[in-house]
PDB file of N, CA and C in Angstrom:
ATOM      1  N   ILE A   1      60.993 254.322  88.962  1.00  0.00           N
ATOM      2  CA  ILE A   1      60.328 254.789  90.164  1.00  0.00           C
ATOM      3  C   ILE A   1      61.157 255.885  90.822  1.00  0.00           C
ATOM      4  N   LEU A   2      62.447 255.680  90.909  1.00  0.00           N
ATOM      5  CA  LEU A   2      63.313 256.669  91.537  1.00  0.00           C
ATOM      6  C   LEU A   2      63.273 257.995  90.784  1.00  0.00           C
ATOM      7  N   ALA A   3      63.255 257.940  89.459  1.00  0.00           N
ATOM      8  CA  ALA A   3      63.207 259.172  88.667  1.00  0.00           C
ATOM      9  C   ALA A   3      61.935 259.956  88.973  1.00  0.00           C
ATOM     10  N   GLY A   4      60.824 259.258  89.139  1.00  0.00           N
ATOM     11  CA  GLY A   4      59.568 259.920  89.474  1.00  0.00           C
ATOM     12  C   GLY A   4      59.626 260.595  90.829  1.00  0.00           C
ATOM     13  N   GLU A   5      60.246 259.923  91.792  1.00  0.00           N
ATOM     14  CA  GLU A   5      60.367 260.501  93.130  1.00  0.00           C
ATOM     15  C   GLU A   5      61.275 261.728  93.125  1.00  0.00           C
ATOM     16  N   VAL A   6      62.359 261.665  92.363  1.00  0.00           N
ATOM     17  CA  VAL A   6      63.272 262.808  92.271  1.00  0.00           C
ATOM     18  C   VAL A   6      62.571 263.985  91.597  1.00  0.00           C
ATOM     19  N   THR A   7      61.863 263.706  90.498  1.00  0.00           N
ATOM     20  CA  THR A   7      61.133 264.766  89.796  1.00  0.00           C
ATOM     21  C   THR A   7      60.089 265.388  90.713  1.00  0.00           C
ATOM     22  N   ALA A   8      59.376 264.559  91.468  1.00  0.00           N
ATOM     23  CA  ALA A   8      58.365 265.072  92.393  1.00  0.00           C
ATOM     24  C   ALA A   8      58.996 265.937  93.474  1.00  0.00           C
ATOM     25  N   ALA A   9      60.151 265.521  93.978  1.00  0.00           N
ATOM     26  CA  ALA A   9      60.818 266.283  95.036  1.00  0.00           C
ATOM     27  C   ALA A   9      61.307 267.638  94.531  1.00  0.00           C
ATOM     28  N   ILE A  10      61.781 267.674  93.295  1.00  0.00           N
ATOM     29  CA  ILE A  10      62.349 268.911  92.757  1.00  0.00           C
ATOM     30  C   ILE A  10      61.282 269.813  92.138  1.00  0.00           C
ATOM     31  N   HIS A  11      60.385 269.214  91.342  1.00  0.00           N
ATOM     32  CA  HIS A  11      59.438 270.008  90.556  1.00  0.00           C
ATOM     33  C   HIS A  11      57.996 269.913  91.041  1.00  0.00           C
ATOM     34  N   GLY A  12      57.711 269.016  91.961  1.00  0.00           N
ATOM     35  CA  GLY A  12      56.350 268.849  92.462  1.00  0.00           C
ATOM     36  C   GLY A  12      55.679 267.621  91.879  1.00  0.00           C
ATOM     37  N   VAL A  13      54.633 267.176  92.559  1.00  0.00           N
ATOM     38  CA  VAL A  13      53.927 265.956  92.173  1.00  0.00           C
ATOM     39  C   VAL A  13      53.257 266.107  90.809  1.00  0.00           C
ATOM     40  N   ASP A  14      52.639 267.270  90.552  1.00  0.00           N
ATOM     41  CA  ASP A  14      51.959 267.468  89.261  1.00  0.00           C
ATOM     42  C   ASP A  14      52.937 267.355  88.100  1.00  0.00           C
ATOM     43  N   ALA A  15      54.115 267.944  88.242  1.00  0.00           N
ATOM     44  CA  ALA A  15      55.124 267.873  87.184  1.00  0.00           C
ATOM     45  C   ALA A  15      55.600 266.435  86.991  1.00  0.00           C
ATOM     46  N   ALA A  16      55.741 265.697  88.083  1.00  0.00           N
ATOM     47  CA  ALA A  16      56.170 264.298  87.985  1.00  0.00           C
ATOM     48  C   ALA A  16      55.117 263.453  87.272  1.00  0.00           C
ATOM     49  N   MET A  17      53.845 263.698  87.587  1.00  0.00           N
ATOM     50  CA  MET A  17      52.769 262.948  86.933  1.00  0.00           C
ATOM     51  C   MET A  17      52.709 263.281  85.445  1.00  0.00           C
ATOM     52  N   GLN A  18      52.883 264.551  85.114  1.00  0.00           N
ATOM     53  CA  GLN A  18      52.857 264.960  83.714  1.00  0.00           C
ATOM     54  C   GLN A  18      54.043 264.351  82.960  1.00  0.00           C
ATOM     55  N   ALA A  19      55.216 264.345  83.569  1.00  0.00           N
ATOM     56  CA  ALA A  19      56.392 263.751  82.932  1.00  0.00           C
ATOM     57  C   ALA A  19      56.181 262.258  82.696  1.00  0.00           C
ATOM     58  N   ARG A  20      55.553 261.584  83.652  1.00  0.00           N
ATOM     59  CA  ARG A  20      55.281 260.151  83.490  1.00  0.00           C
ATOM     60  C   ARG A  20      54.316 259.914  82.330  1.00  0.00           C
ATOM     61  N   GLU A  21      53.253 260.721  82.245  1.00  0.00           N
ATOM     62  CA  GLU A  21      52.294 260.577  81.150  1.00  0.00           C
ATOM     63  C   GLU A  21      52.966 260.815  79.801  1.00  0.00           C
ATOM     64  N   GLN A  22      53.824 261.830  79.737  1.00  0.00           N
ATOM     65  CA  GLN A  22      54.526 262.113  78.487  1.00  0.00           C
ATOM     66  C   GLN A  22      55.462 260.964  78.115  1.00  0.00           C
ATOM     67  N   PHE A  23      56.146 260.411  79.097  1.00  0.00           N
ATOM     68  CA  PHE A  23      57.041 259.281  78.847  1.00  0.00           C
ATOM     69  C   PHE A  23      56.254 258.088  78.315  1.00  0.00           C
ATOM     70  N   LEU A  24      55.160 257.756  78.988  1.00  0.00           N
ATOM     71  CA  LEU A  24      54.364 256.612  78.558  1.00  0.00           C
ATOM     72  C   LEU A  24      53.778 256.826  77.166  1.00  0.00           C
ATOM     73  N   ALA A  25      53.312 258.032  76.896  1.00  0.00           N
ATOM     74  CA  ALA A  25      52.741 258.318  75.581  1.00  0.00           C
ATOM     75  C   ALA A  25      53.793 258.205  74.487  1.00  0.00           C
ATOM     76  N   ARG A  26      54.994 258.591  74.804  1.00  0.00           N
ATOM     77  CA  ARG A  26      56.055 258.595  73.794  1.00  0.00           C
ATOM     78  C   ARG A  26      56.654 257.215  73.555  1.00  0.00           C
ATOM     79  N   PHE A  27      56.805 256.424  74.613  1.00  0.00           N
ATOM     80  CA  PHE A  27      57.540 255.175  74.490  1.00  0.00           C
ATOM     81  C   PHE A  27      56.686 253.917  74.588  1.00  0.00           C
ATOM     82  N   SER A  28      55.435 254.056  74.926  1.00  0.00           N
ATOM     83  CA  SER A  28      54.566 252.891  75.008  1.00  0.00           C
ATOM     84  C   SER A  28      54.177 252.443  73.607  1.00  0.00           C
ATOM     85  N   LYS A  29      54.237 251.164  73.363  1.00  0.00           N
ATOM     86  CA  LYS A  29      53.886 250.617  72.050  1.00  0.00           C
ATOM     87  C   LYS A  29      52.403 250.275  71.957  1.00  0.00           C
ATOM     88  N   LEU A  30      51.743 250.126  73.090  1.00  0.00           N
ATOM     89  CA  LEU A  30      50.342 249.750  73.086  1.00  0.00           C
ATOM     90  C   LEU A  30      49.458 250.962  72.820  1.00  0.00           C
ATOM     91  N   THR A  31      48.347 250.705  72.159  1.00  0.00           N
ATOM     92  CA  THR A  31      47.373 251.753  71.911  1.00  0.00           C
ATOM     93  C   THR A  31      46.050 251.330  72.528  1.00  0.00           C
ATOM     94  N   PHE A  32      45.145 252.279  72.665  1.00  0.00           N
ATOM     95  CA  PHE A  32      43.823 251.945  73.178  1.00  0.00           C
ATOM     96  C   PHE A  32      43.121 250.980  72.230  1.00  0.00           C
ATOM     97  N   ALA A  33      43.377 251.122  70.934  1.00  0.00           N
ATOM     98  CA  ALA A  33      42.744 250.247  69.945  1.00  0.00           C
ATOM     99  C   ALA A  33      43.130 248.785  70.166  1.00  0.00           C
ATOM    100  N   GLN A  34      44.297 248.546  70.760  1.00  0.00           N
ATOM    101  CA  GLN A  34      44.754 247.184  71.021  1.00  0.00           C
ATOM    102  C   GLN A  34      44.204 246.628  72.328  1.00  0.00           C
ATOM    103  N   ALA A  35      43.541 247.469  73.094  1.00  0.00           N
ATOM    104  CA  ALA A  35      42.977 247.015  74.368  1.00  0.00           C
ATOM    105  C   ALA A  35      41.888 245.990  74.096  1.00  0.00           C
ATOM    106  N   GLY A  36      41.665 245.142  75.047  1.00  0.00           N
ATOM    107  CA  GLY A  36      40.632 244.117  74.905  1.00  0.00           C
ATOM    108  C   GLY A  36      39.253 244.729  74.818  1.00  0.00           C
ATOM    109  N   ASP A  37      38.303 244.049  75.360  1.00  0.00           N
ATOM    110  CA  ASP A  37      36.926 244.534  75.332  1.00  0.00           C
ATOM    111  C   ASP A  37      36.793 245.794  76.173  1.00  0.00           C
ATOM    112  N   LEU A  38      36.453 246.868  75.513  1.00  0.00           N
ATOM    113  CA  LEU A  38      36.200 248.130  76.203  1.00  0.00           C
ATOM    114  C   LEU A  38      34.701 248.395  76.182  1.00  0.00           C
ATOM    115  N   PRO A  39      34.178 249.021  77.228  1.00  0.00           N
ATOM    116  CA  PRO A  39      32.781 249.444  77.150  1.00  0.00           C
ATOM    117  C   PRO A  39      32.636 250.475  76.036  1.00  0.00           C
ATOM    118  N   THR A  40      31.434 250.606  75.517  1.00  0.00           N
ATOM    119  CA  THR A  40      31.232 251.523  74.397  1.00  0.00           C
ATOM    120  C   THR A  40      30.168 252.562  74.708  1.00  0.00           C
ATOM    121  N   VAL A  41      30.324 253.708  74.077  1.00  0.00           N
ATOM    122  CA  VAL A  41      29.337 254.783  74.121  1.00  0.00           C
ATOM    123  C   VAL A  41      28.751 254.873  72.722  1.00  0.00           C
ATOM    124  N   CYS A  42      27.446 254.688  72.618  1.00  0.00           N
ATOM    125  CA  CYS A  42      26.785 254.717  71.311  1.00  0.00           C
ATOM    126  C   CYS A  42      25.876 255.929  71.139  1.00  0.00           C
ATOM    127  N   ASN A  43      25.368 256.470  72.237  1.00  0.00           N
ATOM    128  CA  ASN A  43      24.406 257.571  72.183  1.00  0.00           C
ATOM    129  C   ASN A  43      25.129 258.904  72.348  1.00  0.00           C
ATOM    130  N   LEU A  44      25.392 259.569  71.234  1.00  0.00           N
ATOM    131  CA  LEU A  44      26.087 260.854  71.292  1.00  0.00           C
ATOM    132  C   LEU A  44      25.167 261.997  71.688  1.00  0.00           C
ATOM    133  N   GLY A  45      23.868 261.749  71.755  1.00  0.00           N
ATOM    134  CA  GLY A  45      22.922 262.790  72.140  1.00  0.00           C
ATOM    135  C   GLY A  45      22.884 263.043  73.635  1.00  0.00           C
ATOM    136  N   GLN A  46      23.376 262.099  74.420  1.00  0.00           N
ATOM    137  CA  GLN A  46      23.376 262.284  75.873  1.00  0.00           C
ATOM    138  C   GLN A  46      24.547 263.165  76.292  1.00  0.00           C
ATOM    139  N   SER A  47      24.430 263.748  77.474  1.00  0.00           N
ATOM    140  CA  SER A  47      25.524 264.582  77.971  1.00  0.00           C
ATOM    141  C   SER A  47      26.719 263.694  78.304  1.00  0.00           C
ATOM    142  N   VAL A  48      27.886 264.314  78.378  1.00  0.00           N
ATOM    143  CA  VAL A  48      29.093 263.576  78.751  1.00  0.00           C
ATOM    144  C   VAL A  48      28.886 262.957  80.131  1.00  0.00           C
ATOM    145  N   SER A  49      28.310 263.722  81.066  1.00  0.00           N
ATOM    146  CA  SER A  49      28.052 263.206  82.419  1.00  0.00           C
ATOM    147  C   SER A  49      27.143 261.987  82.387  1.00  0.00           C
ATOM    148  N   ASP A  50      26.082 262.057  81.597  1.00  0.00           N
ATOM    149  CA  ASP A  50      25.162 260.919  81.506  1.00  0.00           C
ATOM    150  C   ASP A  50      25.852 259.703  80.894  1.00  0.00           C
ATOM    151  N   ALA A  51      26.726 259.929  79.915  1.00  0.00           N
ATOM    152  CA  ALA A  51      27.462 258.817  79.309  1.00  0.00           C
ATOM    153  C   ALA A  51      28.371 258.156  80.339  1.00  0.00           C
ATOM    154  N   VAL A  52      29.063 258.970  81.122  1.00  0.00           N
ATOM    155  CA  VAL A  52      29.972 258.444  82.150  1.00  0.00           C
ATOM    156  C   VAL A  52      29.186 257.640  83.188  1.00  0.00           C
ATOM    157  N   LYS A  53      28.033 258.157  83.597  1.00  0.00           N
ATOM    158  CA  LYS A  53      27.210 257.440  84.580  1.00  0.00           C
ATOM    159  C   LYS A  53      26.627 256.164  83.982  1.00  0.00           C
ATOM    160  N   ALA A  54      26.194 256.209  82.719  1.00  0.00           N
ATOM    161  CA  ALA A  54      25.634 255.020  82.069  1.00  0.00           C
ATOM    162  C   ALA A  54      26.681 253.912  81.944  1.00  0.00           C
ATOM    163  N   LEU A  55      27.936 254.294  81.793  1.00  0.00           N
ATOM    164  CA  LEU A  55      29.022 253.317  81.718  1.00  0.00           C
ATOM    165  C   LEU A  55      29.332 252.700  83.083  1.00  0.00           C
ATOM    166  N   GLY A  56      28.828 253.331  84.147  1.00  0.00           N
ATOM    167  CA  GLY A  56      29.128 252.861  85.497  1.00  0.00           C
ATOM    168  C   GLY A  56      30.436 253.410  86.032  1.00  0.00           C
ATOM    169  N   PHE A  57      31.002 254.402  85.360  1.00  0.00           N
ATOM    170  CA  PHE A  57      32.269 254.994  85.788  1.00  0.00           C
ATOM    171  C   PHE A  57      32.068 255.954  86.956  1.00  0.00           C
ATOM    172  N   ALA A  58      30.876 256.538  87.072  1.00  0.00           N
ATOM    173  CA  ALA A  58      30.566 257.479  88.152  1.00  0.00           C
ATOM    174  C   ALA A  58      29.128 257.246  88.589  1.00  0.00           C
ATOM    175  N   LYS A  59      28.843 257.614  89.837  1.00  0.00           N
ATOM    176  CA  LYS A  59      27.497 257.428  90.374  1.00  0.00           C
ATOM    177  C   LYS A  59      26.662 258.700  90.334  1.00  0.00           C
ATOM    178  N   SER A  60      27.331 259.862  90.218  1.00  0.00           N
ATOM    179  CA  SER A  60      26.585 261.119  90.278  1.00  0.00           C
ATOM    180  C   SER A  60      27.233 262.181  89.400  1.00  0.00           C
ATOM    181  N   ASN A  61      26.448 263.227  89.122  1.00  0.00           N
ATOM    182  CA  ASN A  61      26.990 264.368  88.380  1.00  0.00           C
ATOM    183  C   ASN A  61      28.105 265.038  89.172  1.00  0.00           C
ATOM    184  N   GLY A  62      27.972 265.042  90.492  1.00  0.00           N
ATOM    185  CA  GLY A  62      28.999 265.642  91.343  1.00  0.00           C
ATOM    186  C   GLY A  62      30.333 264.925  91.206  1.00  0.00           C
ATOM    187  N   GLU A  63      30.284 263.611  91.106  1.00  0.00           N
ATOM    188  CA  GLU A  63      31.521 262.841  90.929  1.00  0.00           C
ATOM    189  C   GLU A  63      32.161 263.164  89.580  1.00  0.00           C
ATOM    190  N   VAL A  64      31.342 263.272  88.541  1.00  0.00           N
ATOM    191  CA  VAL A  64      31.860 263.630  87.214  1.00  0.00           C
ATOM    192  C   VAL A  64      32.489 265.020  87.269  1.00  0.00           C
ATOM    193  N   ARG A  65      31.805 265.958  87.917  1.00  0.00           N
ATOM    194  CA  ARG A  65      32.325 267.324  88.040  1.00  0.00           C
ATOM    195  C   ARG A  65      33.669 267.338  88.757  1.00  0.00           C
ATOM    196  N   ARG A  66      33.775 266.597  89.866  1.00  0.00           N
ATOM    197  CA  ARG A  66      35.031 266.569  90.631  1.00  0.00           C
ATOM    198  C   ARG A  66      36.184 266.006  89.802  1.00  0.00           C
ATOM    199  N   VAL A  67      35.926 264.937  89.070  1.00  0.00           N
ATOM    200  CA  VAL A  67      36.983 264.351  88.233  1.00  0.00           C
ATOM    201  C   VAL A  67      37.377 265.329  87.125  1.00  0.00           C
ATOM    202  N   ALA A  68      36.399 266.009  86.539  1.00  0.00           N
ATOM    203  CA  ALA A  68      36.706 267.009  85.506  1.00  0.00           C
ATOM    204  C   ALA A  68      37.535 268.151  86.093  1.00  0.00           C
ATOM    205  N   GLU A  69      37.206 268.589  87.299  1.00  0.00           N
ATOM    206  CA  GLU A  69      37.974 269.658  87.955  1.00  0.00           C
ATOM    207  C   GLU A  69      39.415 269.233  88.217  1.00  0.00           C
ATOM    208  N   GLN A  70      39.638 267.935  88.375  1.00  0.00           N
ATOM    209  CA  GLN A  70      40.982 267.406  88.630  1.00  0.00           C
ATOM    210  C   GLN A  70      41.676 266.974  87.338  1.00  0.00           C
ATOM    211  N   ASN A  71      41.159 267.433  86.198  1.00  0.00           N
ATOM    212  CA  ASN A  71      41.718 267.136  84.871  1.00  0.00           C
ATOM    213  C   ASN A  71      41.704 265.644  84.539  1.00  0.00           C
ATOM    214  N   GLY A  72      40.678 264.934  85.017  1.00  0.00           N
ATOM    215  CA  GLY A  72      40.600 263.501  84.767  1.00  0.00           C
ATOM    216  C   GLY A  72      39.563 263.101  83.736  1.00  0.00           C
ATOM    217  N   LEU A  73      38.879 264.073  83.136  1.00  0.00           N
ATOM    218  CA  LEU A  73      37.866 263.781  82.125  1.00  0.00           C
ATOM    219  C   LEU A  73      38.406 264.240  80.781  1.00  0.00           C
ATOM    220  N   ARG A  74      38.529 263.288  79.840  1.00  0.00           N
ATOM    221  CA  ARG A  74      39.178 263.601  78.563  1.00  0.00           C
ATOM    222  C   ARG A  74      38.503 262.905  77.392  1.00  0.00           C
ATOM    223  N   LEU A  75      38.629 263.523  76.243  1.00  0.00           N
ATOM    224  CA  LEU A  75      38.342 262.867  74.974  1.00  0.00           C
ATOM    225  C   LEU A  75      39.691 262.526  74.365  1.00  0.00           C
ATOM    226  N   VAL A  76      39.776 261.354  73.762  1.00  0.00           N
ATOM    227  CA  VAL A  76      41.033 260.895  73.171  1.00  0.00           C
ATOM    228  C   VAL A  76      40.762 260.474  71.732  1.00  0.00           C
ATOM    229  N   VAL A  77      41.660 260.869  70.835  1.00  0.00           N
ATOM    230  CA  VAL A  77      41.605 260.415  69.446  1.00  0.00           C
ATOM    231  C   VAL A  77      42.912 259.704  69.152  1.00  0.00           C
ATOM    232  N   GLU A  78      42.800 258.476  68.656  1.00  0.00           N
ATOM    233  CA  GLU A  78      43.981 257.723  68.240  1.00  0.00           C
ATOM    234  C   GLU A  78      43.949 257.544  66.735  1.00  0.00           C
ATOM    235  N   SER A  79      45.079 257.838  66.122  1.00  0.00           N
ATOM    236  CA  SER A  79      45.221 257.632  64.686  1.00  0.00           C
ATOM    237  C   SER A  79      46.615 257.078  64.439  1.00  0.00           C
ATOM    238  N   GLU A  80      46.940 256.843  63.189  1.00  0.00           N
ATOM    239  CA  GLU A  80      48.275 256.340  62.866  1.00  0.00           C
ATOM    240  C   GLU A  80      49.354 257.323  63.299  1.00  0.00           C
ATOM    241  N   GLY A  81      49.012 258.602  63.331  1.00  0.00           N
ATOM    242  CA  GLY A  81      49.970 259.630  63.718  1.00  0.00           C
ATOM    243  C   GLY A  81      50.193 259.739  65.211  1.00  0.00           C
ATOM    244  N   GLY A  82      49.426 259.015  66.002  1.00  0.00           N
ATOM    245  CA  GLY A  82      49.591 259.067  67.448  1.00  0.00           C
ATOM    246  C   GLY A  82      48.275 259.287  68.157  1.00  0.00           C
ATOM    247  N   GLN A  83      48.380 259.869  69.330  1.00  0.00           N
ATOM    248  CA  GLN A  83      47.226 260.045  70.195  1.00  0.00           C
ATOM    249  C   GLN A  83      47.123 261.507  70.609  1.00  0.00           C
ATOM    250  N   GLU A  84      45.914 262.011  70.609  1.00  0.00           N
ATOM    251  CA  GLU A  84      45.673 263.371  71.088  1.00  0.00           C
ATOM    252  C   GLU A  84      44.606 263.316  72.168  1.00  0.00           C
ATOM    253  N   GLN A  85      44.892 263.943  73.315  1.00  0.00           N
ATOM    254  CA  GLN A  85      43.945 263.976  74.423  1.00  0.00           C
ATOM    255  C   GLN A  85      43.519 265.413  74.668  1.00  0.00           C
ATOM    256  N   VAL A  86      42.221 265.590  74.919  1.00  0.00           N
ATOM    257  CA  VAL A  86      41.665 266.910  75.170  1.00  0.00           C
ATOM    258  C   VAL A  86      40.936 266.873  76.510  1.00  0.00           C
ATOM    259  N   LEU A  87      41.328 267.762  77.411  1.00  0.00           N
ATOM    260  CA  LEU A  87      40.669 267.853  78.715  1.00  0.00           C
ATOM    261  C   LEU A  87      39.277 268.441  78.564  1.00  0.00           C
ATOM    262  N   LEU A  88      38.340 267.931  79.361  1.00  0.00           N
ATOM    263  CA  LEU A  88      36.990 268.477  79.384  1.00  0.00           C
ATOM    264  C   LEU A  88      36.746 269.150  80.724  1.00  0.00           C
ATOM    265  N   THR A  89      36.099 270.294  80.686  1.00  0.00           N
ATOM    266  CA  THR A  89      35.785 271.048  81.896  1.00  0.00           C
ATOM    267  C   THR A  89      34.476 270.543  82.496  1.00  0.00           C
ATOM    268  N   PRO A  90      34.194 270.915  83.741  1.00  0.00           N
ATOM    269  CA  PRO A  90      32.901 270.544  84.328  1.00  0.00           C
ATOM    270  C   PRO A  90      31.718 271.074  83.511  1.00  0.00           C
ATOM    271  N   ASP A  91      31.841 272.266  82.938  1.00  0.00           N
ATOM    272  CA  ASP A  91      30.760 272.803  82.104  1.00  0.00           C
ATOM    273  C   ASP A  91      30.570 271.968  80.843  1.00  0.00           C
ATOM    274  N   GLU A  92      31.659 271.549  80.227  1.00  0.00           N
ATOM    275  CA  GLU A  92      31.566 270.726  79.019  1.00  0.00           C
ATOM    276  C   GLU A  92      30.973 269.354  79.321  1.00  0.00           C
ATOM    277  N   ALA A  93      31.139 268.882  80.543  1.00  0.00           N
ATOM    278  CA  ALA A  93      30.581 267.583  80.927  1.00  0.00           C
ATOM    279  C   ALA A  93      29.056 267.597  80.896  1.00  0.00           C
ATOM    280  N   ARG A  94      28.459 268.779  80.992  1.00  0.00           N
ATOM    281  CA  ARG A  94      26.995 268.890  80.947  1.00  0.00           C
ATOM    282  C   ARG A  94      26.466 268.988  79.518  1.00  0.00           C
ATOM    283  N   GLU A  95      27.364 269.176  78.557  1.00  0.00           N
ATOM    284  CA  GLU A  95      26.973 269.320  77.153  1.00  0.00           C
ATOM    285  C   GLU A  95      26.757 267.951  76.505  1.00  0.00           C
ATOM    286  N   PRO A  96      25.969 267.909  75.416  1.00  0.00           N
ATOM    287  CA  PRO A  96      25.836 266.642  74.681  1.00  0.00           C
ATOM    288  C   PRO A  96      27.197 266.186  74.151  1.00  0.00           C
ATOM    289  N   LEU A  97      27.440 264.904  74.211  1.00  0.00           N
ATOM    290  CA  LEU A  97      28.716 264.345  73.774  1.00  0.00           C
ATOM    291  C   LEU A  97      29.013 264.718  72.323  1.00  0.00           C
ATOM    292  N   GLU A  98      28.002 264.683  71.483  1.00  0.00           N
ATOM    293  CA  GLU A  98      28.184 265.022  70.069  1.00  0.00           C
ATOM    294  C   GLU A  98      28.706 266.450  69.898  1.00  0.00           C
ATOM    295  N   THR A  99      28.157 267.385  70.655  1.00  0.00           N
ATOM    296  CA  THR A  99      28.582 268.786  70.585  1.00  0.00           C
ATOM    297  C   THR A  99      30.024 268.941  71.053  1.00  0.00           C
ATOM    298  N   VAL A 100      30.361 268.281  72.149  1.00  0.00           N
ATOM    299  CA  VAL A 100      31.714 268.383  72.698  1.00  0.00           C
ATOM    300  C   VAL A 100      32.728 267.798  71.717  1.00  0.00           C
ATOM    301  N   ILE A 101      32.390 266.677  71.101  1.00  0.00           N
ATOM    302  CA  ILE A 101      33.301 266.068  70.121  1.00  0.00           C
ATOM    303  C   ILE A 101      33.538 267.029  68.960  1.00  0.00           C
ATOM    304  N   LYS A 102      32.473 267.616  68.434  1.00  0.00           N
ATOM    305  CA  LYS A 102      32.620 268.550  67.309  1.00  0.00           C
ATOM    306  C   LYS A 102      33.442 269.771  67.701  1.00  0.00           C
ATOM    307  N   ASP A 103      33.163 270.326  68.891  1.00  0.00           N
ATOM    308  CA  ASP A 103      33.853 271.539  69.328  1.00  0.00           C
ATOM    309  C   ASP A 103      35.316 271.301  69.681  1.00  0.00           C
ATOM    310  N   LYS A 104      35.605 270.187  70.320  1.00  0.00           N
ATOM    311  CA  LYS A 104      36.947 269.958  70.858  1.00  0.00           C
ATOM    312  C   LYS A 104      37.872 269.202  69.908  1.00  0.00           C
ATOM    313  N   LEU A 105      37.318 268.320  69.090  1.00  0.00           N
ATOM    314  CA  LEU A 105      38.176 267.476  68.258  1.00  0.00           C
ATOM    315  C   LEU A 105      38.252 267.937  66.812  1.00  0.00           C
ATOM    316  N   ASN A 106      37.443 268.926  66.461  1.00  0.00           N
ATOM    317  CA  ASN A 106      37.503 269.515  65.124  1.00  0.00           C
ATOM    318  C   ASN A 106      37.540 268.470  64.015  1.00  0.00           C
ATOM    319  N   GLU A 107      36.724 267.447  64.171  1.00  0.00           N
ATOM    320  CA  GLU A 107      36.595 266.393  63.164  1.00  0.00           C
ATOM    321  C   GLU A 107      37.912 265.678  62.864  1.00  0.00           C
ATOM    322  N   LEU A 108      38.756 265.510  63.864  1.00  0.00           N
ATOM    323  CA  LEU A 108      39.973 264.722  63.696  1.00  0.00           C
ATOM    324  C   LEU A 108      39.585 263.293  63.354  1.00  0.00           C
ATOM    325  N   SER A 109      40.329 262.679  62.466  1.00  0.00           N
ATOM    326  CA  SER A 109      40.010 261.304  62.108  1.00  0.00           C
ATOM    327  C   SER A 109      40.763 260.345  63.021  1.00  0.00           C
ATOM    328  N   GLY A 110      40.168 259.202  63.238  1.00  0.00           N
ATOM    329  CA  GLY A 110      40.766 258.182  64.087  1.00  0.00           C
ATOM    330  C   GLY A 110      39.716 257.560  64.975  1.00  0.00           C
ATOM    331  N   ASP A 111      40.164 256.788  65.940  1.00  0.00           N
ATOM    332  CA  ASP A 111      39.273 256.146  66.897  1.00  0.00           C
ATOM    333  C   ASP A 111      39.089 257.078  68.088  1.00  0.00           C
ATOM    334  N   TYR A 112      37.831 257.238  68.520  1.00  0.00           N
ATOM    335  CA  TYR A 112      37.508 258.145  69.622  1.00  0.00           C
ATOM    336  C   TYR A 112      37.278 257.356  70.903  1.00  0.00           C
ATOM    337  N   TYR A 113      37.738 257.942  72.020  1.00  0.00           N
ATOM    338  CA  TYR A 113      37.586 257.330  73.336  1.00  0.00           C
ATOM    339  C   TYR A 113      37.190 258.393  74.348  1.00  0.00           C
ATOM    340  N   LEU A 114      36.502 257.955  75.389  1.00  0.00           N
ATOM    341  CA  LEU A 114      36.161 258.794  76.527  1.00  0.00           C
ATOM    342  C   LEU A 114      36.921 258.243  77.721  1.00  0.00           C
ATOM    343  N   LYS A 115      37.715 259.097  78.359  1.00  0.00           N
ATOM    344  CA  LYS A 115      38.536 258.666  79.485  1.00  0.00           C
ATOM    345  C   LYS A 115      38.067 259.385  80.742  1.00  0.00           C
ATOM    346  N   PHE A 116      37.816 258.611  81.790  1.00  0.00           N
ATOM    347  CA  PHE A 116      37.361 259.133  83.070  1.00  0.00           C
ATOM    348  C   PHE A 116      38.304 258.583  84.127  1.00  0.00           C
ATOM    349  N   GLY A 117      39.260 259.400  84.556  1.00  0.00           N
ATOM    350  CA  GLY A 117      40.296 258.895  85.452  1.00  0.00           C
ATOM    351  C   GLY A 117      41.094 257.829  84.720  1.00  0.00           C
ATOM    352  N   ARG A 118      41.134 256.624  85.273  1.00  0.00           N
ATOM    353  CA  ARG A 118      41.836 255.514  84.626  1.00  0.00           C
ATOM    354  C   ARG A 118      40.905 254.636  83.798  1.00  0.00           C
ATOM    355  N   LYS A 119      39.633 254.982  83.779  1.00  0.00           N
ATOM    356  CA  LYS A 119      38.643 254.181  83.055  1.00  0.00           C
ATOM    357  C   LYS A 119      38.497 254.708  81.632  1.00  0.00           C
ATOM    358  N   LEU A 120      38.250 253.781  80.713  1.00  0.00           N
ATOM    359  CA  LEU A 120      38.239 254.126  79.296  1.00  0.00           C
ATOM    360  C   LEU A 120      37.078 253.447  78.592  1.00  0.00           C
ATOM    361  N   ALA A 121      36.440 254.179  77.675  1.00  0.00           N
ATOM    362  CA  ALA A 121      35.368 253.619  76.854  1.00  0.00           C
ATOM    363  C   ALA A 121      35.573 254.053  75.408  1.00  0.00           C
ATOM    364  N   ARG A 122      35.209 253.180  74.504  1.00  0.00           N
ATOM    365  CA  ARG A 122      35.289 253.470  73.067  1.00  0.00           C
ATOM    366  C   ARG A 122      34.005 254.180  72.649  1.00  0.00           C
ATOM    367  N   ILE A 123      34.134 255.219  71.841  1.00  0.00           N
ATOM    368  CA  ILE A 123      32.968 255.916  71.293  1.00  0.00           C
ATOM    369  C   ILE A 123      32.732 255.334  69.906  1.00  0.00           C
ATOM    370  N   THR A 124      31.586 254.657  69.739  1.00  0.00           N
ATOM    371  CA  THR A 124      31.362 253.915  68.497  1.00  0.00           C
ATOM    372  C   THR A 124      30.259 254.479  67.622  1.00  0.00           C
ATOM    373  N   ALA A 125      29.526 255.453  68.086  1.00  0.00           N
ATOM    374  CA  ALA A 125      28.418 255.991  67.297  1.00  0.00           C
ATOM    375  C   ALA A 125      28.946 256.651  66.033  1.00  0.00           C
ATOM    376  N   ALA A 126      28.117 256.660  65.015  1.00  0.00           N
ATOM    377  CA  ALA A 126      28.505 257.288  63.746  1.00  0.00           C
ATOM    378  C   ALA A 126      28.786 258.765  63.970  1.00  0.00           C
ATOM    379  N   ARG A 127      29.856 259.240  63.335  1.00  0.00           N
ATOM    380  CA  ARG A 127      30.242 260.648  63.483  1.00  0.00           C
ATOM    381  C   ARG A 127      30.081 261.349  62.163  1.00  0.00           C
TER     382      ARG A 127
END
């Protein structure tokens, strides 16, 4: 905790948050695949915003847009080699999930997840 406060004081809150995420990604042994029951996204034809709302993670398109503007909307791929996260923009949130996955993940193999802030869902539809 103290290291985070020192980093925030010297480099700013954003840098401290990024350093914490990097630390957790590097040293955490748990993976999303090991998480218990996660909600799932099966319909890749719907927009990212519609998927987020259907999961109950957001109530409106405006809420999805705001979270995306704050870098809180991500696609995640987990494989044996680690985890890769890709930020989604507010414009990409309006696109079909299938299109965004193809464009952003370039057919990376592994387990796919949709992350909205601290909320997480597994993408289970056939790819």
